[in-house]
Amino acid sequence: MITYNDIYEASKKERYSEQLQPIPKNFVSEVASYLKEKREMASKDNDVFSDVIMKTKKQLENAITLFKELILRRKKKILNLVLIASETGISKQDFENMFAFEKVLFEEFMKSIDNSDKILNGMLNGSSIEQKNELVVFKEFVEEFIGLGGEKMGPFEKGQIANLPKEITRILVDGGKCDFVEE
């Protein structure tokens, strides 16, 4: 079982190191169990243990703050690794220290950078790349609907901006549901 001190130590190690720190693969689920247990203890209304409950609530707040800080620092390090990997082509550095969801994040960022590099190179070479999507802003609430490829889209709130396929944006704009975002 994980303790507050374990969360603190993990956060401290991440803060003072440039590389992603190795953390046990079950760390997030252990933190979730720890937070659940502390929430249950903090929610008890018993005057006999009011000091204990107050300490538990404070420890819960601090643990949440430390965990959020830990994840934020790891995201920043992953972004830095993505930038390095996009320039050098080496993309497996610190991969063994990433959680599964962080590996997905890394790969998705790499795909996005590769796509934007292709677009930039195409523009530099004088060829225009046909945009498949367009940015729109919704003028009213639009319920979930099925796209042309059978995928679910939405729901969209009034004022929400979305990057949607051109065919769908034309239908929505013609129907008065949204407007194009000017670049």
Protein backbone atom coordinates (compact mmCIF):
# COMPACT_ATOMS: atom_id res chain seq x y z
CA MET A 1 0.00 0.00 0.00
CA ILE A 2 1.27 3.43 -0.92
CA THR A 3 1.67 6.19 1.67
CA TYR A 4 1.69 9.96 1.60
CA ASN A 5 5.46 9.81 1.96
CA ASP A 6 5.73 7.65 -1.20
CA ILE A 7 3.79 10.26 -3.20
CA TYR A 8 5.95 13.02 -1.73
CA GLU A 9 9.19 11.19 -2.55
CA ALA A 10 8.10 10.44 -6.13
CA SER A 11 7.18 14.09 -6.66
CA LYS A 12 10.46 15.26 -5.13
CA LYS A 13 12.55 12.93 -7.31
CA GLU A 14 10.71 14.11 -10.44
CA ARG A 15 11.17 17.76 -9.46
CA TYR A 16 14.93 17.54 -9.03
CA SER A 17 15.80 15.42 -12.05
CA GLU A 18 15.91 16.24 -15.74
CA GLN A 19 15.04 12.69 -16.83
CA LEU A 20 11.78 10.87 -16.29
CA GLN A 21 12.10 8.99 -13.05
CA PRO A 22 11.30 5.29 -12.79
CA ILE A 23 8.03 4.83 -10.94
CA PRO A 24 6.36 1.48 -10.29
CA LYS A 25 3.83 0.63 -13.01
CA ASN A 26 1.05 0.24 -10.43
CA PHE A 27 1.78 3.67 -8.90
CA VAL A 28 -1.29 5.43 -10.34
CA SER A 29 -3.69 2.69 -9.22
CA GLU A 30 -2.03 2.68 -5.78
CA VAL A 31 -2.45 6.47 -5.54
CA ALA A 32 -6.11 6.08 -6.56
CA SER A 33 -6.63 3.55 -3.74
CA TYR A 34 -4.81 5.79 -1.28
CA LEU A 35 -6.92 8.83 -2.23
CA LYS A 36 -10.13 6.81 -2.02
CA GLU A 37 -9.23 5.60 1.45
CA LYS A 38 -8.34 9.13 2.63
CA ARG A 39 -11.58 10.53 1.17
CA GLU A 40 -13.59 7.92 3.06
CA MET A 41 -11.79 8.73 6.30
CA ALA A 42 -12.18 12.49 5.77
CA SER A 43 -15.89 12.20 5.09
CA LYS A 44 -16.69 10.62 8.47
CA ASP A 45 -18.53 12.94 10.82
CA ASN A 46 -17.35 12.03 14.27
CA ASP A 47 -16.43 14.74 16.79
CA VAL A 48 -14.25 12.35 18.80
CA PHE A 49 -11.75 12.18 15.94
CA SER A 50 -12.10 15.74 14.64
CA ASP A 51 -8.34 16.42 14.88
CA VAL A 52 -7.61 13.18 13.06
CA ILE A 53 -10.21 14.01 10.40
CA MET A 54 -8.77 17.51 9.92
CA LYS A 55 -5.26 16.08 9.53
CA THR A 56 -6.58 13.49 7.09
CA LYS A 57 -8.31 16.18 5.01
CA LYS A 58 -5.11 18.25 4.89
CA GLN A 59 -3.05 15.20 3.95
CA LEU A 60 -5.57 14.37 1.21
CA GLU A 61 -5.36 17.90 -0.22
CA ASN A 62 -1.55 17.81 -0.12
CA ALA A 63 -1.41 14.36 -1.71
CA ILE A 64 -3.66 15.48 -4.57
CA THR A 65 -1.51 18.59 -5.11
CA LEU A 66 1.70 16.54 -5.09
CA PHE A 67 0.30 13.98 -7.52
CA LYS A 68 -0.91 16.68 -9.94
CA GLU A 69 2.50 18.34 -9.75
CA LEU A 70 4.20 15.01 -10.43
CA ILE A 71 2.08 14.34 -13.52
CA LEU A 72 2.54 17.91 -14.80
CA ARG A 73 6.32 17.65 -14.49
CA ARG A 74 6.26 14.29 -16.31
CA LYS A 75 4.17 15.81 -19.12
CA LYS A 76 6.67 18.64 -19.51
CA LYS A 77 9.52 16.14 -19.71
CA ILE A 78 7.61 14.10 -22.30
CA LEU A 79 7.04 17.23 -24.39
CA ASN A 80 10.76 17.93 -24.23
CA LEU A 81 11.50 14.34 -25.28
CA VAL A 82 9.09 14.74 -28.20
CA LEU A 83 10.92 17.86 -29.38
CA ILE A 84 14.29 16.13 -29.09
CA ALA A 85 12.99 13.02 -30.85
CA SER A 86 11.47 15.05 -33.67
CA GLU A 87 14.83 16.71 -34.35
CA THR A 88 17.14 13.74 -33.81
CA GLY A 89 14.96 10.82 -34.82
CA ILE A 90 15.71 9.05 -31.55
CA SER A 91 12.37 8.41 -29.90
CA LYS A 92 12.88 5.61 -27.39
CA GLN A 93 14.84 7.59 -24.80
CA ASP A 94 13.26 7.23 -21.32
CA PHE A 95 10.54 5.03 -22.82
CA GLU A 96 11.04 2.41 -20.13
CA ASN A 97 10.26 5.00 -17.42
CA MET A 98 6.93 6.00 -18.99
CA PHE A 99 3.53 4.78 -17.92
CA ALA A 100 1.41 3.21 -20.67
CA PHE A 101 -0.73 6.36 -21.00
CA GLU A 102 2.43 8.48 -21.25
CA LYS A 103 3.72 6.30 -24.09
CA VAL A 104 0.44 6.90 -25.93
CA LEU A 105 0.79 10.65 -25.29
CA PHE A 106 4.36 10.57 -26.63
CA GLU A 107 3.38 8.67 -29.79
CA GLU A 108 0.41 10.98 -30.48
CA PHE A 109 2.62 14.06 -30.14
CA MET A 110 5.17 12.47 -32.48
CA LYS A 111 2.43 11.83 -35.08
CA SER A 112 1.24 15.44 -34.79
CA ILE A 113 4.73 16.83 -35.24
CA ASP A 114 5.36 14.53 -38.21
CA ASN A 115 2.12 15.69 -39.84
CA SER A 116 2.90 19.37 -39.29
CA ASP A 117 6.44 18.84 -40.65
CA LYS A 118 4.97 17.25 -43.80
CA ILE A 119 2.62 20.21 -44.26
CA LEU A 120 5.46 22.68 -43.69
CA ASN A 121 7.74 20.87 -46.16
CA GLY A 122 4.93 20.81 -48.69
CA MET A 123 4.41 24.54 -48.30
CA LEU A 124 8.15 25.18 -48.62
CA ASN A 125 8.24 23.09 -51.80
CA GLY A 126 5.41 25.11 -53.29
CA SER A 127 2.78 22.41 -53.17
CA SER A 128 -0.39 23.09 -51.30
CA ILE A 129 -1.79 20.29 -49.24
CA GLU A 130 -5.53 19.92 -49.45
CA GLN A 131 -6.97 20.41 -45.99
CA LYS A 132 -9.44 17.67 -45.08
CA ASN A 133 -10.84 19.49 -42.07
CA GLU A 134 -12.01 22.98 -41.21
CA LEU A 135 -12.33 24.84 -37.94
CA VAL A 136 -15.84 25.89 -36.98
CA VAL A 137 -17.40 27.59 -33.98
CA PHE A 138 -20.86 26.46 -32.93
CA LYS A 139 -23.63 29.07 -32.73
CA GLU A 140 -25.92 26.75 -30.75
CA PHE A 141 -25.93 23.39 -28.99
CA VAL A 142 -25.71 20.47 -31.42
CA GLU A 143 -26.50 16.96 -30.21
CA GLU A 144 -24.31 13.95 -30.95
CA PHE A 145 -24.59 12.74 -34.54
CA ILE A 146 -23.05 10.13 -36.81
CA GLY A 147 -20.35 11.31 -39.26
CA LEU A 148 -20.03 10.27 -42.88
CA GLY A 149 -17.69 7.42 -41.91
CA GLY A 150 -20.06 6.09 -39.25
CA GLU A 151 -18.15 7.62 -36.32
CA LYS A 152 -19.90 9.45 -33.47
CA MET A 153 -19.37 13.20 -33.38
CA GLY A 154 -20.35 15.66 -30.68
CA PRO A 155 -22.26 16.77 -28.80
CA PHE A 156 -21.06 20.35 -29.26
CA GLU A 157 -21.81 23.28 -26.97
CA LYS A 158 -22.57 26.84 -28.11
CA GLY A 159 -19.23 28.65 -28.58
CA GLN A 160 -17.23 25.42 -28.84
CA ILE A 161 -14.60 25.23 -31.57
CA ALA A 162 -14.15 21.98 -33.46
CA ASN A 163 -11.96 20.71 -36.29
CA LEU A 164 -14.33 18.69 -38.49
CA PRO A 165 -14.27 17.18 -41.99
CA LYS A 166 -15.13 19.66 -44.74
CA GLU A 167 -18.25 17.77 -45.86
CA ILE A 168 -19.72 17.97 -42.36
CA THR A 169 -18.77 21.60 -41.81
CA ARG A 170 -20.57 22.56 -45.03
CA ILE A 171 -23.76 20.86 -43.82
CA LEU A 172 -23.54 22.48 -40.37
CA VAL A 173 -22.74 25.96 -41.72
CA ASP A 174 -25.51 25.75 -44.35
CA GLY A 175 -27.90 24.70 -41.58
CA GLY A 176 -26.95 27.74 -39.49
CA LYS A 177 -25.52 25.62 -36.65
CA CYS A 178 -21.98 27.01 -36.84
CA ASP A 179 -19.64 29.42 -38.62
CA PHE A 180 -16.12 29.00 -39.99
CA VAL A 181 -13.29 30.22 -37.76
CA GLU A 182 -11.34 32.91 -39.59
CA GLU A 183 -7.57 32.34 -39.67
